[in-house]
Amino acid sequence: MRFSLASPVFRVLFLAVIAALLPVRPFAQPDGLAQRVAQLESQVAALTAVLQYVHVEEGFLNDLTGPHFIIEGANVHVRSGSGDTRDGCEVTPAMISADSAT
């Protein structure tokens, strides 16, 4: 039986032999990609841990129109950033606690 180089059978056999001879390599990731993905996953986990205490409510709440930024289950500290309680800032630093004993 003779095969012509242009025959479909020859083409299939030729490609099968070439494919069998080629080395199989796993997909190579660009340098640093795995490290960057790990960093981003760590950041997402940290933000998720913080955001578990935060949600937004639409509509009215205590006769105020929303949206309302709600923090539950955590103490909230508001600071001017100067490190001084009398820094000339119009806003008085405040500490809001969920503990009704304080």
C-alpha atoms as a PDB file:
ATOM      1  CA  MET A   1       0.000   0.000   0.000  1.00  0.00           C
ATOM      2  CA  ARG A   2       1.428   3.347  -1.030  1.00  0.00           C
ATOM      3  CA  PHE A   3       0.619   6.689   0.581  1.00  0.00           C
ATOM      4  CA  SER A   4       0.870   9.950  -1.152  1.00  0.00           C
ATOM      5  CA  LEU A   5       2.390  12.801   0.894  1.00  0.00           C
ATOM      6  CA  ALA A   6      -0.787  14.756   0.206  1.00  0.00           C
ATOM      7  CA  SER A   7      -3.155  12.038   1.435  1.00  0.00           C
ATOM      8  CA  PRO A   8      -5.187  12.640   4.603  1.00  0.00           C
ATOM      9  CA  VAL A   9      -4.017   9.331   6.078  1.00  0.00           C
ATOM     10  CA  PHE A  10      -0.370  10.368   5.732  1.00  0.00           C
ATOM     11  CA  ARG A  11      -1.084  13.748   7.334  1.00  0.00           C
ATOM     12  CA  VAL A  12      -2.778  12.145  10.340  1.00  0.00           C
ATOM     13  CA  LEU A  13       0.014   9.611  10.808  1.00  0.00           C
ATOM     14  CA  PHE A  14       2.676  12.304  10.418  1.00  0.00           C
ATOM     15  CA  LEU A  15       1.014  14.554  13.009  1.00  0.00           C
ATOM     16  CA  ALA A  16       0.574  11.604  15.405  1.00  0.00           C
ATOM     17  CA  VAL A  17       4.283  10.758  15.207  1.00  0.00           C
ATOM     18  CA  ILE A  18       5.325  14.391  15.699  1.00  0.00           C
ATOM     19  CA  ALA A  19       2.962  14.780  18.658  1.00  0.00           C
ATOM     20  CA  ALA A  20       4.353  11.632  20.266  1.00  0.00           C
ATOM     21  CA  LEU A  21       7.920  12.906  19.917  1.00  0.00           C
ATOM     22  CA  LEU A  22       7.278  16.380  21.378  1.00  0.00           C
ATOM     23  CA  PRO A  23       8.028  16.738  25.086  1.00  0.00           C
ATOM     24  CA  VAL A  24       5.064  17.489  27.293  1.00  0.00           C
ATOM     25  CA  ARG A  25       5.692  20.497  29.533  1.00  0.00           C
ATOM     26  CA  PRO A  26       3.362  21.932  32.116  1.00  0.00           C
ATOM     27  CA  PHE A  27       2.051  25.421  31.528  1.00  0.00           C
ATOM     28  CA  ALA A  28       4.734  27.843  32.664  1.00  0.00           C
ATOM     29  CA  GLN A  29       3.584  30.846  34.673  1.00  0.00           C
ATOM     30  CA  PRO A  30       5.349  34.186  34.276  1.00  0.00           C
ATOM     31  CA  ASP A  31       7.920  34.914  36.976  1.00  0.00           C
ATOM     32  CA  GLY A  32       6.383  36.208  40.181  1.00  0.00           C
ATOM     33  CA  LEU A  33       2.780  35.501  39.188  1.00  0.00           C
ATOM     34  CA  ALA A  34       2.239  32.865  41.874  1.00  0.00           C
ATOM     35  CA  GLN A  35       3.799  35.160  44.483  1.00  0.00           C
ATOM     36  CA  ARG A  36       1.584  38.090  43.399  1.00  0.00           C
ATOM     37  CA  VAL A  37      -1.531  35.920  43.511  1.00  0.00           C
ATOM     38  CA  ALA A  38      -0.612  34.807  47.048  1.00  0.00           C
ATOM     39  CA  GLN A  39      -0.143  38.466  48.106  1.00  0.00           C
ATOM     40  CA  LEU A  40      -3.506  39.467  46.660  1.00  0.00           C
ATOM     41  CA  GLU A  41      -5.265  36.520  48.295  1.00  0.00           C
ATOM     42  CA  SER A  42      -3.747  37.549  51.628  1.00  0.00           C
ATOM     43  CA  GLN A  43      -4.966  41.135  51.166  1.00  0.00           C
ATOM     44  CA  VAL A  44      -8.468  39.938  50.273  1.00  0.00           C
ATOM     45  CA  ALA A  45      -8.551  37.740  53.396  1.00  0.00           C
ATOM     46  CA  ALA A  46      -7.490  40.690  55.593  1.00  0.00           C
ATOM     47  CA  LEU A  47     -10.115  42.994  54.064  1.00  0.00           C
ATOM     48  CA  THR A  48     -12.804  40.328  54.375  1.00  0.00           C
ATOM     49  CA  ALA A  49     -11.979  39.982  58.088  1.00  0.00           C
ATOM     50  CA  VAL A  50     -12.456  43.742  58.592  1.00  0.00           C
ATOM     51  CA  LEU A  51     -15.549  44.053  56.411  1.00  0.00           C
ATOM     52  CA  GLN A  52     -17.421  41.421  58.392  1.00  0.00           C
ATOM     53  CA  TYR A  53     -18.378  44.273  60.756  1.00  0.00           C
ATOM     54  CA  VAL A  54     -19.551  46.692  58.040  1.00  0.00           C
ATOM     55  CA  HIS A  55     -22.669  46.964  55.925  1.00  0.00           C
ATOM     56  CA  VAL A  56     -24.743  49.632  54.186  1.00  0.00           C
ATOM     57  CA  GLU A  57     -28.455  50.165  54.783  1.00  0.00           C
ATOM     58  CA  GLU A  58     -30.605  52.069  52.296  1.00  0.00           C
ATOM     59  CA  GLY A  59     -33.716  54.038  53.145  1.00  0.00           C
ATOM     60  CA  PHE A  60     -34.630  55.672  56.440  1.00  0.00           C
ATOM     61  CA  LEU A  61     -32.968  54.892  59.755  1.00  0.00           C
ATOM     62  CA  ASN A  62     -33.757  56.924  62.883  1.00  0.00           C
ATOM     63  CA  ASP A  63     -35.566  59.502  60.706  1.00  0.00           C
ATOM     64  CA  LEU A  64     -32.477  60.007  58.505  1.00  0.00           C
ATOM     65  CA  THR A  65     -32.382  59.180  54.804  1.00  0.00           C
ATOM     66  CA  GLY A  66     -29.833  56.641  53.685  1.00  0.00           C
ATOM     67  CA  PRO A  67     -27.553  55.258  52.654  1.00  0.00           C
ATOM     68  CA  HIS A  68     -26.205  54.483  56.121  1.00  0.00           C
ATOM     69  CA  PHE A  69     -22.721  53.096  56.754  1.00  0.00           C
ATOM     70  CA  ILE A  70     -23.220  50.673  59.658  1.00  0.00           C
ATOM     71  CA  ILE A  71     -20.483  49.156  61.818  1.00  0.00           C
ATOM     72  CA  GLU A  72     -21.672  46.440  64.198  1.00  0.00           C
ATOM     73  CA  GLY A  73     -19.738  44.258  66.606  1.00  0.00           C
ATOM     74  CA  ALA A  74     -16.686  46.504  66.818  1.00  0.00           C
ATOM     75  CA  ASN A  75     -15.576  49.653  68.622  1.00  0.00           C
ATOM     76  CA  VAL A  76     -15.096  52.723  66.416  1.00  0.00           C
ATOM     77  CA  HIS A  77     -12.354  55.282  67.050  1.00  0.00           C
ATOM     78  CA  VAL A  78     -12.362  58.591  65.154  1.00  0.00           C
ATOM     79  CA  ARG A  79      -9.077  60.513  65.236  1.00  0.00           C
ATOM     80  CA  SER A  80      -7.955  63.762  63.659  1.00  0.00           C
ATOM     81  CA  GLY A  81      -4.487  62.349  63.053  1.00  0.00           C
ATOM     82  CA  SER A  82      -2.541  65.046  64.906  1.00  0.00           C
ATOM     83  CA  GLY A  83      -2.094  62.980  68.065  1.00  0.00           C
ATOM     84  CA  ASP A  84      -3.392  65.878  70.188  1.00  0.00           C
ATOM     85  CA  THR A  85      -6.910  66.364  71.563  1.00  0.00           C
ATOM     86  CA  ARG A  86      -6.646  70.157  71.054  1.00  0.00           C
ATOM     87  CA  ASP A  87      -5.227  70.603  67.601  1.00  0.00           C
ATOM     88  CA  GLY A  88      -7.495  73.375  66.303  1.00  0.00           C
ATOM     89  CA  CYS A  89      -9.595  70.909  64.392  1.00  0.00           C
ATOM     90  CA  GLU A  90     -13.331  71.681  64.387  1.00  0.00           C
ATOM     91  CA  VAL A  91     -14.152  67.988  64.820  1.00  0.00           C
ATOM     92  CA  THR A  92     -13.686  66.636  68.323  1.00  0.00           C
ATOM     93  CA  PRO A  93     -12.082  63.186  68.308  1.00  0.00           C
ATOM     94  CA  ALA A  94     -14.529  60.625  69.654  1.00  0.00           C
ATOM     95  CA  MET A  95     -14.531  57.019  70.713  1.00  0.00           C
ATOM     96  CA  ILE A  96     -17.770  55.121  70.251  1.00  0.00           C
ATOM     97  CA  SER A  97     -18.065  51.878  72.151  1.00  0.00           C
ATOM     98  CA  ALA A  98     -20.515  49.025  71.840  1.00  0.00           C
ATOM     99  CA  ASP A  99     -20.010  48.374  75.552  1.00  0.00           C
ATOM    100  CA  SER A 100     -22.869  50.138  77.345  1.00  0.00           C
ATOM    101  CA  ALA A 101     -20.943  50.006  80.676  1.00  0.00           C
ATOM    102  CA  THR A 102     -18.485  52.694  79.463  1.00  0.00           C
END
